[in-house]
Each structure stands twice: as C-alpha cells, then as structure tokens.
Amino acid sequence: MEIIHLSRKSSLLNFSRKRSTIPPLLKICDKPIPEVKSLKILGIIFDPNTTWKNHINYLRQKGFKYLNAIKALSSPKIGTRSDHLLNIINATIRSIFDYGSQLFSFSSNSNRQKLEPIYNAALRLALGLPRNTPLDLLRAESMNGNINSRHNFLCQKFITKQIALKDWSPNARLFWNIDSNFYKYREKEISIFQKTINLLQELCISKVDILQWIPPPPIYDNRKINIYTHELPFQNKDLPDDIVQNMFNDYIQPKFNNNIIIATDGSKNTNQTSIGILIPKKKIRQNFILKDMISIFTAEAIAIWTALKNWVSETENYIILTDSLSVLKSIQNINRKSNTIILNLSSTLHQCLQIAQSITFIWVPAHKGIEINEEVDKLAKASPEPWNIISWITYEDLHTYFKKQHKIKSEEIWKKSKRHTNFFIFLILKNGTDRQQKIEIQKF
C-alpha cells in the first residue's frame, strides 16, 4: 500500500526552456507520476523554465505580510526606535529574501528588482520618511544597500566557499570545471557566477590559490604538543618591559641547547602584507610576501604553518614563539567551523608530531623589547625577495574583501549622487562640554 501511494505523493517537473515539450512518462508500480508546473522543495519554488518568477512572487507575498507588521510597529502609539525597527526588518524581510538567493540569482535583473520596493518601503517606515524619499538618500540614512547587490555578495561568498570545500562539496566541481556556456544565462547578460570567476582572475587568484577546507585532525590528546598562552610568568602585558625581558630570558636560555627555537611574525600595512621566520640555531632568516587582502590573523597563522612545513623535519624538540594570541587560542579550540588556515595548520602540525619529539607553542607579548621577537618583527616588515611569494588565501579573507568592496561601491554611488553635496553632517560642541550633538541638515 505504501508503494502505491508514492505515485500520488510524487510530482514530475520537466526542466526545459522550449515552448512545447513532450513530458517523459514515469511510473511507480504502473501508476503515472503527475506532471506539475511548479514544485516547492525546502522553501524554494522551482519552475520548468527556471525563470524563478513563481518563487519571487511567493517572496513578495511573504514580504507584504511582514510589511504590515512593520507598519504596526512603526506607529507613534507604540514608539519603536528606528534602530530596533531596522534590526527587525533585516531579521525578517531581508533574511527571507536572502534565503536561496544563490539559486534565483540566475533570474533576470528585472525579475529580481521586484523585491526592492518592499524592502525600501520597510526602510521608510522604520526611519519615518515620506514615500517620495529618494532611494540614494534612503540608503545613506539607513546604512543598508539594495537587495540586488546584497544577493550578489552572498553569491560571491557561496562560490568561493564551494571552491574551498572542493571534494567535500558536491557543488564544487561546477566551479572547478568551468564551462562558459554553463554560466551564461542569456546572450546579453552574464551571471553573477561568471562575474565572480572573472573578478578572481582580475585579482590574480586562481582556484588552486584558495586554501582548501579539511576536517580537523585529532591533535587534542597528543602529549607531544604544549600550548602556553598565560601560564608562564612573562606572559603578562601589564608588567614593565624590563621585568618581562628578564623573565623571558630566564625561561628561554636554558632551552637553547636542547630545543630548536623558531620565532614567527606577521606584518600588514598599506604597502605590503608579509611574514618573517627566524631560527637562530640553524641561522635561518626568511621572509615572504603575501596577498594584500589577507588579514593579520591569517598572516600570523601562515607564518607558523610555513615554519612547520619547511623546518620541522627532524626528531628534535621544537619551541615556536609567536605574538599572536588569537592564533594559539584557535589551535586550542579547533573544530569544524574553525578558520581554514587553522585547519590546515593543525593538519600539518599533526603530521609534524609524527616526526618531532615535542612541539611547544609559546605566546610572547609584543612590543616588550624581547630581543628575538623584535628581531623577527623587523624581518617580517622588511621587503622580501621578489621570488619569496606565498599565494595562499582563505575564503574567509575573500569574504571580508568582497564585503569591503560592496561597501566602497555603495559609498561611491552615494558620493556621485546629486544629493550628496546638499546633505551635511555637523558635529557641534554644546555648552562648551565634550558632549557632541549630531545635526543633519538637508537643503531643498
């Protein structure tokens, strides 16, 4: 009986952009599966032509329901604050529009623009602005971009993460084996997928440069590894510099003979992002240049990772010094959601533990005059040789870069607007005190 009822519960949707197609005849226990013109799966409505019109109309209906609730909350009788209303709008209307945006980004631009009026109306209600408020002024006042640009940003995040997942995602092969015909939705329109791939090529980032995600290795109970973040006496920033230096020297000098000490550091400024690695016992001084969009956290982690891969190859006791407390704590609390560079670093650490007798990580307070730490800091800030390049980049850093670019783009649009020159913000000291009052003046 259960198998017979499967034909009634099943639906057939034939994906084709042809005007007339012959539907395939599929049966379950000699019972034909009924053909439908739209199908809802996990909250996403699929249609045969993949125009996503049905799904966008469904989102509009849900958005109007929440818009009525926003109207009630924005009433003067209730008196909800504007910042609270903006948070409610982003948690309800915007989150509904965001769900599944990676799929209906293939829809035409005119179709996706249907969601904008609902979101704009909600922003006007939250800020108490009239209906004829210009859109550029509305977005500047609410500090929220349009829905279309946000969906493009979410698609960029999705694509780069899928590339990083590679073998761990069934979707990754679509982006690793790129076919321009697959990404081409219309002859006159390039999809956001192809735009993202083109953007990566403009940034000189290939797919192999994006660091691959790997599951966390089993290093938790390994007795060969020790991580000291606050246990040692010199690991206190509040102590005077000379006391910290003396305590550090008293701790580290007896270990010079029986341990290989590796000092690592990362540096990031407007000119370059680079790392430095110093091994006094082996007289090794190396620095490498990284991509500019890499964060200082990733740079510090890459410095440790590079040292482990290249110079932990003997049966010795190793001590790794770093002034990045956040990296060491991330290694201590590693899990599946950890940063990609931490996962790769921990995997290499797990391999090195098979060779080394022990590996000890020690956090060293920065800018305390500790000689080895100051020396590796100068090495990291120095200009590396042009061939010492590490091209790795994590998808987390790419997400941060995309977010900054979208913010810069929205600011440029606002500055080019004719209303930008007539919109002033003054900070006035009131009654000679330090209290500042923000006054917004708009010229008409």
Protein backbone atom coordinates (compact mmCIF):
# COMPACT_ATOMS: atom_id res chain seq x y z
CA MET A 1 0.00 0.00 0.00
CA GLU A 2 2.84 2.43 0.83
CA ILE A 3 4.45 1.91 -2.59
CA ILE A 4 1.14 2.59 -4.38
CA HIS A 5 0.65 5.86 -2.50
CA LEU A 6 4.15 7.02 -3.57
CA SER A 7 2.84 7.87 -7.04
CA ARG A 8 0.29 10.26 -5.51
CA LYS A 9 2.88 11.92 -3.30
CA SER A 10 5.42 12.26 -6.12
CA SER A 11 5.50 15.04 -8.71
CA LEU A 12 7.19 15.37 -12.09
CA LEU A 13 8.77 18.66 -13.16
CA ASN A 14 10.34 18.81 -16.62
CA PHE A 15 13.08 21.47 -16.78
CA SER A 16 13.20 22.88 -20.29
CA ARG A 17 13.20 26.29 -21.95
CA LYS A 18 11.44 25.05 -25.04
CA ARG A 19 7.91 26.28 -25.55
CA SER A 20 6.48 22.83 -26.17
CA THR A 21 7.97 19.62 -24.82
CA ILE A 22 6.82 16.05 -24.59
CA PRO A 23 6.79 15.15 -20.90
CA PRO A 24 8.52 11.88 -20.03
CA LEU A 25 6.17 9.19 -18.80
CA LEU A 26 7.42 7.95 -15.44
CA LYS A 27 5.56 5.38 -13.40
CA ILE A 28 5.67 3.88 -9.93
CA CYS A 29 4.00 0.46 -9.77
CA ASP A 30 2.31 1.18 -13.14
CA LYS A 31 0.89 4.42 -11.72
CA PRO A 32 1.96 7.55 -13.68
CA ILE A 33 3.61 10.34 -11.77
CA PRO A 34 1.58 13.54 -12.27
CA GLU A 35 3.34 16.43 -14.02
CA VAL A 36 3.29 19.83 -12.29
CA LYS A 37 4.23 23.34 -13.46
CA SER A 38 5.93 24.31 -10.21
CA LEU A 39 7.36 22.42 -7.27
CA LYS A 40 8.31 23.63 -3.80
CA ILE A 41 11.33 21.96 -2.20
CA LEU A 42 12.80 23.20 1.09
CA GLY A 43 11.08 26.56 0.70
CA ILE A 44 12.29 27.11 -2.90
CA ILE A 45 9.73 27.06 -5.73
CA PHE A 46 11.13 25.58 -8.94
CA ASP A 47 9.54 26.22 -12.32
CA PRO A 48 10.16 24.41 -15.65
CA ASN A 49 11.80 27.39 -17.39
CA THR A 50 14.00 28.28 -14.38
CA THR A 51 12.88 31.90 -14.58
CA TRP A 52 12.13 31.84 -10.82
CA LYS A 53 9.08 34.09 -11.31
CA ASN A 54 6.91 31.87 -9.14
CA HIS A 55 9.42 31.91 -6.30
CA ILE A 56 9.94 35.67 -6.44
CA ASN A 57 6.16 36.24 -6.42
CA TYR A 58 5.99 33.94 -3.39
CA LEU A 59 8.69 36.02 -1.67
CA ARG A 60 6.74 39.20 -2.44
CA GLN A 61 3.63 37.79 -0.75
CA LYS A 62 5.61 36.87 2.37
CA GLY A 63 7.31 40.25 2.34
CA PHE A 64 3.96 42.11 2.26
CA LYS A 65 2.80 40.22 5.35
CA TYR A 66 5.85 41.33 7.33
CA LEU A 67 5.48 44.85 5.90
CA ASN A 68 2.07 45.13 7.56
CA ALA A 69 3.65 44.15 10.87
CA ILE A 70 6.34 46.82 10.40
CA LYS A 71 3.59 49.39 9.80
CA ALA A 72 2.03 48.50 13.14
CA LEU A 73 5.35 48.60 15.00
CA SER A 74 6.31 51.95 13.47
CA SER A 75 3.12 53.58 14.69
CA PRO A 76 3.68 56.56 17.06
CA LYS A 77 1.42 54.84 19.59
CA ILE A 78 3.96 52.03 20.01
CA GLY A 79 7.04 54.22 19.64
CA THR A 80 9.57 51.59 18.50
CA ARG A 81 13.05 53.03 17.95
CA SER A 82 14.32 53.29 14.39
CA ASP A 83 17.44 51.21 15.03
CA HIS A 84 15.32 48.44 16.54
CA LEU A 85 12.98 48.51 13.56
CA LEU A 86 15.93 48.25 11.17
CA ASN A 87 17.17 45.17 13.04
CA ILE A 88 13.68 43.64 12.84
CA ILE A 89 13.48 44.35 9.10
CA ASN A 90 16.88 42.76 8.45
CA ALA A 91 15.98 39.73 10.59
CA THR A 92 12.64 39.15 8.86
CA ILE A 93 12.13 40.65 5.39
CA ARG A 94 15.78 40.71 4.32
CA SER A 95 16.53 37.23 5.65
CA ILE A 96 13.51 35.83 3.75
CA PHE A 97 14.76 37.44 0.55
CA ASP A 98 18.30 36.16 1.18
CA TYR A 99 17.30 32.51 1.55
CA GLY A 100 18.03 30.68 -1.71
CA SER A 101 19.36 33.83 -3.42
CA GLN A 102 22.23 31.77 -4.85
CA LEU A 103 19.66 29.93 -6.97
CA PHE A 104 17.39 32.69 -8.22
CA SER A 105 20.41 34.90 -8.99
CA PHE A 106 20.12 33.25 -12.43
CA SER A 107 16.83 35.09 -12.85
CA SER A 108 16.68 38.23 -14.98
CA ASN A 109 17.56 41.55 -13.40
CA SER A 110 14.04 42.91 -13.94
CA ASN A 111 12.60 39.91 -12.15
CA ARG A 112 14.90 40.29 -9.13
CA GLN A 113 14.13 44.00 -8.91
CA LYS A 114 10.57 43.14 -7.83
CA LEU A 115 11.81 42.61 -4.27
CA GLU A 116 13.31 46.10 -3.94
CA PRO A 117 10.06 48.12 -3.43
CA ILE A 118 9.04 46.01 -0.42
CA TYR A 119 12.41 46.42 1.30
CA ASN A 120 12.52 50.14 0.52
CA ALA A 121 9.01 50.64 1.90
CA ALA A 122 10.05 48.89 5.13
CA LEU A 123 13.11 51.15 5.47
CA ARG A 124 10.95 54.26 5.01
CA LEU A 125 8.59 53.08 7.74
CA ALA A 126 11.47 52.38 10.12
CA LEU A 127 13.00 55.83 9.61
CA GLY A 128 9.71 57.71 9.42
CA LEU A 129 10.48 59.11 5.97
CA PRO A 130 7.84 60.05 3.36
CA ARG A 131 7.10 57.87 0.36
CA ASN A 132 8.78 60.28 -2.05
CA THR A 133 12.17 60.00 -0.31
CA PRO A 134 14.88 59.34 -2.96
CA LEU A 135 16.44 55.89 -2.83
CA ASP A 136 20.03 57.10 -2.55
CA LEU A 137 19.11 59.26 0.43
CA LEU A 138 17.13 56.40 1.97
CA ARG A 139 20.09 54.01 1.75
CA ALA A 140 22.51 56.58 3.10
CA GLU A 141 20.25 57.27 6.08
CA SER A 142 19.53 53.60 6.85
CA MET A 143 23.11 52.43 6.03
CA ASN A 144 21.62 49.47 4.14
CA GLY A 145 22.32 48.70 0.49
CA ASN A 146 19.85 47.36 -2.02
CA ILE A 147 18.75 43.74 -2.13
CA ASN A 148 20.26 43.02 -5.54
CA SER A 149 23.81 44.00 -4.54
CA ARG A 150 23.47 42.03 -1.30
CA HIS A 151 22.43 38.91 -3.23
CA ASN A 152 25.47 39.35 -5.48
CA PHE A 153 27.65 39.48 -2.35
CA LEU A 154 26.02 36.31 -0.96
CA CYS A 155 26.62 34.56 -4.28
CA GLN A 156 30.29 35.53 -4.20
CA LYS A 157 30.58 34.11 -0.69
CA PHE A 158 28.87 30.90 -1.78
CA ILE A 159 31.09 30.41 -4.84
CA THR A 160 34.39 30.95 -3.01
CA LYS A 161 33.34 28.66 -0.16
CA GLN A 162 32.35 25.91 -2.59
CA ILE A 163 35.73 26.20 -4.29
CA ALA A 164 37.41 25.89 -0.88
CA LEU A 165 35.34 22.83 0.05
CA LYS A 166 36.34 21.06 -3.19
CA ASP A 167 36.00 17.29 -2.55
CA TRP A 168 33.76 17.90 0.47
CA SER A 169 31.02 19.58 -1.54
CA PRO A 170 29.00 18.10 -4.46
CA ASN A 171 28.70 21.60 -5.94
CA ALA A 172 32.43 22.31 -6.07
CA ARG A 173 33.01 20.55 -9.39
CA LEU A 174 30.74 23.11 -11.10
CA PHE A 175 33.24 25.84 -10.21
CA TRP A 176 36.40 23.78 -10.64
CA ASN A 177 35.46 22.62 -14.16
CA ILE A 178 34.30 25.93 -15.57
CA ASP A 179 32.34 25.92 -18.79
CA SER A 180 31.41 29.37 -20.02
CA ASN A 181 28.22 28.02 -21.58
CA PHE A 182 27.04 26.80 -18.18
CA TYR A 183 27.30 30.22 -16.55
CA LYS A 184 25.79 32.08 -19.50
CA TYR A 185 22.15 32.63 -18.67
CA ARG A 186 21.34 34.97 -21.57
CA GLU A 187 23.36 36.18 -24.52
CA LYS A 188 23.22 39.78 -23.25
CA GLU A 189 23.59 39.02 -19.55
CA ILE A 190 26.46 37.44 -17.63
CA SER A 191 25.52 35.62 -14.45
CA ILE A 192 26.98 36.54 -11.06
CA PHE A 193 28.79 33.17 -11.11
CA GLN A 194 30.81 34.11 -14.18
CA LYS A 195 31.34 37.65 -12.82
CA THR A 196 32.83 36.19 -9.63
CA ILE A 197 35.20 33.94 -11.56
CA ASN A 198 36.24 36.92 -13.70
CA LEU A 199 36.80 39.00 -10.54
CA LEU A 200 39.09 36.33 -9.09
CA GLN A 201 41.08 36.32 -12.32
CA GLU A 202 41.41 40.13 -12.17
CA LEU A 203 42.77 39.77 -8.62
CA CYS A 204 45.31 37.19 -9.91
CA ILE A 205 43.71 34.49 -7.77
CA SER A 206 43.36 31.06 -9.30
CA LYS A 207 41.17 28.35 -7.86
CA VAL A 208 44.23 26.47 -6.57
CA ASP A 209 45.26 29.57 -4.57
CA ILE A 210 42.13 29.34 -2.41
CA LEU A 211 43.07 27.26 0.60
CA GLN A 212 41.15 24.00 0.75
CA TRP A 213 38.93 23.15 3.69
CA ILE A 214 39.88 19.95 5.54
CA PRO A 215 38.36 18.28 8.61
CA PRO A 216 40.08 18.98 11.94
CA PRO A 217 42.84 16.47 12.78
CA PRO A 218 42.99 14.55 16.09
CA ILE A 219 45.60 16.61 17.97
CA TYR A 220 43.60 17.22 21.16
CA ASP A 221 45.03 14.45 23.34
CA ASN A 222 48.52 14.35 21.90
CA ARG A 223 51.07 14.64 24.73
CA LYS A 224 53.77 15.86 22.36
CA ILE A 225 52.13 19.25 21.97
CA ASN A 226 52.05 22.05 24.55
CA ILE A 227 50.48 25.49 24.13
CA TYR A 228 51.26 28.22 26.67
CA THR A 229 49.20 31.39 26.45
CA HIS A 230 49.07 32.72 30.05
CA GLU A 231 50.76 30.05 32.18
CA LEU A 232 54.32 31.40 32.07
CA PRO A 233 55.36 34.33 34.31
CA PHE A 234 56.44 36.67 31.48
CA GLN A 235 53.09 36.34 29.65
CA ASN A 236 51.66 39.45 31.25
CA LYS A 237 51.35 42.70 29.31
CA ASP A 238 50.83 44.74 32.46
CA LEU A 239 54.35 44.09 33.74
CA PRO A 240 57.15 46.59 32.96
CA ASP A 241 59.23 45.87 29.87
CA ASP A 242 62.50 45.13 31.70
CA ILE A 243 60.82 42.61 34.02
CA VAL A 244 59.19 40.83 31.06
CA GLN A 245 62.56 40.67 29.27
CA ASN A 246 64.38 39.23 32.30
CA MET A 247 61.66 36.65 32.93
CA PHE A 248 61.69 35.61 29.27
CA ASN A 249 65.48 35.27 29.17
CA ASP A 250 65.49 33.21 32.38
CA TYR A 251 62.94 30.86 30.83
CA ILE A 252 64.31 30.55 27.29
CA GLN A 253 68.11 30.49 27.74
CA PRO A 254 68.29 27.05 29.42
CA LYS A 255 66.29 25.64 26.49
CA PHE A 256 68.59 26.81 23.69
CA ASN A 257 70.76 23.70 23.74
CA ASN A 258 68.05 21.02 23.88
CA ASN A 259 65.42 22.73 21.69
CA ILE A 260 65.16 24.28 18.25
CA ILE A 261 63.56 27.69 18.76
CA ILE A 262 61.50 29.14 15.89
CA ALA A 263 60.21 32.72 16.05
CA THR A 264 57.43 33.74 13.65
CA ASP A 265 55.62 37.00 13.00
CA GLY A 266 53.24 38.60 10.51
CA SER A 267 53.08 42.19 9.34
CA LYS A 268 50.39 44.13 7.49
CA ASN A 269 50.50 47.76 6.38
CA THR A 270 49.35 49.86 3.45
CA ASN A 271 52.32 48.79 1.33
CA GLN A 272 52.53 45.03 1.84
CA THR A 273 51.48 42.00 3.84
CA SER A 274 54.37 39.75 4.78
CA ILE A 275 55.69 37.21 7.28
CA GLY A 276 59.04 36.53 8.91
CA ILE A 277 60.59 33.31 10.25
CA LEU A 278 63.73 33.24 12.41
CA ILE A 279 65.59 30.10 13.58
CA PRO A 280 68.79 31.17 15.42
CA LYS A 281 70.19 27.65 15.90
CA LYS A 282 70.08 26.92 12.15
CA LYS A 283 70.90 30.53 11.19
CA ILE A 284 67.73 30.75 9.09
CA ARG A 285 66.19 34.13 8.34
CA GLN A 286 63.32 34.02 5.87
CA ASN A 287 60.52 36.41 4.97
CA PHE A 288 57.73 36.01 2.43
CA ILE A 289 55.24 38.33 0.82
CA LEU A 290 51.51 37.53 0.90
CA LYS A 291 48.45 38.84 -0.92
CA ASP A 292 47.35 42.29 0.19
CA MET A 293 43.80 41.24 1.09
CA ILE A 294 44.99 38.72 3.70
CA SER A 295 44.19 39.63 7.31
CA ILE A 296 46.83 39.89 10.02
CA PHE A 297 45.34 36.81 11.71
CA THR A 298 45.83 34.76 8.54
CA ALA A 299 49.34 36.16 8.11
CA GLU A 300 50.37 35.12 11.64
CA ALA A 301 48.91 31.65 11.07
CA ILE A 302 50.63 31.27 7.67
CA ALA A 303 53.96 32.16 9.33
CA ILE A 304 53.56 29.28 11.81
CA TRP A 305 52.25 26.96 9.11
CA THR A 306 55.20 27.70 6.80
CA ALA A 307 57.67 27.10 9.63
CA LEU A 308 56.08 23.74 10.43
CA LYS A 309 56.03 22.59 6.80
CA ASN A 310 59.60 23.60 5.92
CA TRP A 311 61.70 23.35 9.07
CA VAL A 312 60.13 20.80 11.41
CA SER A 313 61.65 17.72 9.82
CA GLU A 314 63.94 16.22 12.46
CA THR A 315 63.50 14.23 15.64
CA GLU A 316 64.00 17.21 17.91
CA ASN A 317 62.17 19.31 20.48
CA TYR A 318 60.75 22.48 18.93
CA ILE A 319 59.64 25.72 20.56
CA ILE A 320 57.60 28.09 18.37
CA LEU A 321 57.34 31.70 19.55
CA THR A 322 54.55 33.98 18.31
CA ASP A 323 52.92 37.18 19.47
CA SER A 324 49.51 36.18 18.06
CA LEU A 325 47.40 35.06 21.00
CA SER A 326 44.31 34.59 18.81
CA VAL A 327 46.06 32.01 16.58
CA LEU A 328 47.17 29.91 19.56
CA LYS A 329 43.70 30.00 21.10
CA SER A 330 42.21 28.98 17.76
CA ILE A 331 44.53 25.95 17.66
CA GLN A 332 43.49 25.05 21.21
CA ASN A 333 39.78 25.27 20.36
CA ILE A 334 39.84 23.81 16.87
CA ASN A 335 36.59 22.45 15.41
CA ARG A 336 34.91 22.01 12.02
CA LYS A 337 33.94 25.69 11.93
CA SER A 338 37.46 26.95 12.55
CA ASN A 339 39.19 29.21 10.05
CA THR A 340 40.55 27.34 7.02
CA ILE A 341 44.13 28.33 7.75
CA ILE A 342 43.82 26.95 11.30
CA LEU A 343 42.52 23.64 9.94
CA ASN A 344 45.44 23.35 7.51
CA LEU A 345 47.93 24.44 10.15
CA SER A 346 46.61 21.80 12.57
CA SER A 347 46.78 19.13 9.88
CA THR A 348 50.45 19.94 9.24
CA LEU A 349 51.04 20.03 13.00
CA HIS A 350 49.54 16.54 13.29
CA GLN A 351 52.00 15.29 10.63
CA CYS A 352 54.96 17.01 12.31
CA LEU A 353 54.11 15.37 15.62
CA GLN A 354 54.83 12.02 13.98
CA ILE A 355 58.44 13.17 13.46
CA ALA A 356 59.31 15.60 16.26
CA GLN A 357 59.78 14.59 19.86
CA SER A 358 57.67 17.54 21.03
CA ILE A 359 56.34 20.88 19.77
CA THR A 360 55.69 23.73 22.20
CA PHE A 361 53.87 26.93 21.28
CA ILE A 362 54.58 29.98 23.46
CA TRP A 363 52.82 33.32 23.27
CA VAL A 364 55.26 36.21 23.59
CA PRO A 365 53.91 39.70 24.46
CA ALA A 366 54.56 42.06 21.56
CA HIS A 367 56.48 45.34 21.80
CA LYS A 368 58.06 44.50 25.15
CA GLY A 369 61.64 44.65 23.94
CA ILE A 370 62.15 40.87 23.83
CA GLU A 371 65.14 40.54 21.53
CA ILE A 372 64.13 37.55 19.40
CA ASN A 373 60.58 38.83 18.99
CA GLU A 374 61.73 42.31 17.97
CA GLU A 375 64.20 40.80 15.51
CA VAL A 376 61.59 38.66 13.77
CA ASP A 377 59.22 41.65 13.76
CA LYS A 378 61.78 43.68 11.80
CA LEU A 379 62.32 40.71 9.49
CA ALA A 380 58.59 40.49 8.76
CA LYS A 381 58.38 44.22 7.98
CA ALA A 382 61.42 44.13 5.68
CA SER A 383 60.94 43.83 1.92
CA PRO A 384 61.18 40.15 0.91
CA GLU A 385 62.89 38.90 -2.19
CA PRO A 386 60.53 39.05 -5.22
CA TRP A 387 60.54 35.26 -5.59
CA ASN A 388 59.57 34.64 -1.94
CA ILE A 389 55.82 34.70 -2.57
CA ILE A 390 53.09 32.69 -0.87
CA SER A 391 49.92 32.82 -2.95
CA TRP A 392 47.57 31.10 -0.47
CA ILE A 393 44.40 32.90 0.54
CA THR A 394 41.44 31.72 2.61
CA TYR A 395 37.85 32.09 1.54
CA GLU A 396 37.19 33.92 4.83
CA ASP A 397 39.58 36.69 3.73
CA LEU A 398 37.92 36.80 0.33
CA HIS A 399 34.54 37.25 2.04
CA THR A 400 35.92 40.20 4.01
CA TYR A 401 37.35 41.68 0.81
CA PHE A 402 34.04 41.30 -1.06
CA LYS A 403 32.20 42.95 1.83
CA LYS A 404 34.57 45.93 1.82
CA GLN A 405 34.27 46.29 -1.94
CA HIS A 406 30.47 46.31 -1.77
CA LYS A 407 30.63 48.96 0.94
CA ILE A 408 33.06 51.08 -1.10
CA LYS A 409 30.88 50.71 -4.18
CA SER A 410 27.75 51.86 -2.32
CA GLU A 411 29.67 54.85 -0.88
CA GLU A 412 30.86 55.82 -4.36
CA ILE A 413 27.30 55.69 -5.68
CA TRP A 414 26.18 57.93 -2.81
CA LYS A 415 29.02 60.41 -3.37
CA LYS A 416 28.20 60.66 -7.08
CA SER A 417 24.58 61.39 -6.25
CA LYS A 418 23.41 64.98 -6.77
CA ARG A 419 22.00 64.96 -3.21
CA HIS A 420 25.34 64.18 -1.59
CA THR A 421 26.56 67.77 -1.86
CA ASN A 422 23.35 69.03 -0.21
CA PHE A 423 23.50 66.64 2.72
CA PHE A 424 25.67 67.81 5.61
CA ILE A 425 26.53 66.38 9.00
CA PHE A 426 27.83 68.77 11.60
CA LEU A 427 29.32 67.92 14.98
CA ILE A 428 28.76 70.80 17.37
CA LEU A 429 30.11 71.11 20.88
CA LYS A 430 27.21 72.03 23.10
CA ASN A 431 27.70 74.47 26.01
CA GLY A 432 31.49 74.04 25.94
CA THR A 433 31.35 70.41 27.09
CA ASP A 434 32.59 67.22 25.44
CA ARG A 435 29.05 66.16 24.62
CA GLN A 436 28.54 66.05 20.87
CA GLN A 437 25.25 66.52 19.09
CA LYS A 438 24.66 65.30 15.56
CA ILE A 439 22.60 67.63 13.40
CA GLU A 440 21.51 66.57 9.93
CA ILE A 441 20.64 69.36 7.51
CA GLN A 442 19.24 68.81 4.06
CA LYS A 443 18.97 71.66 1.57
CA PHE A 444 15.98 71.69 -0.71
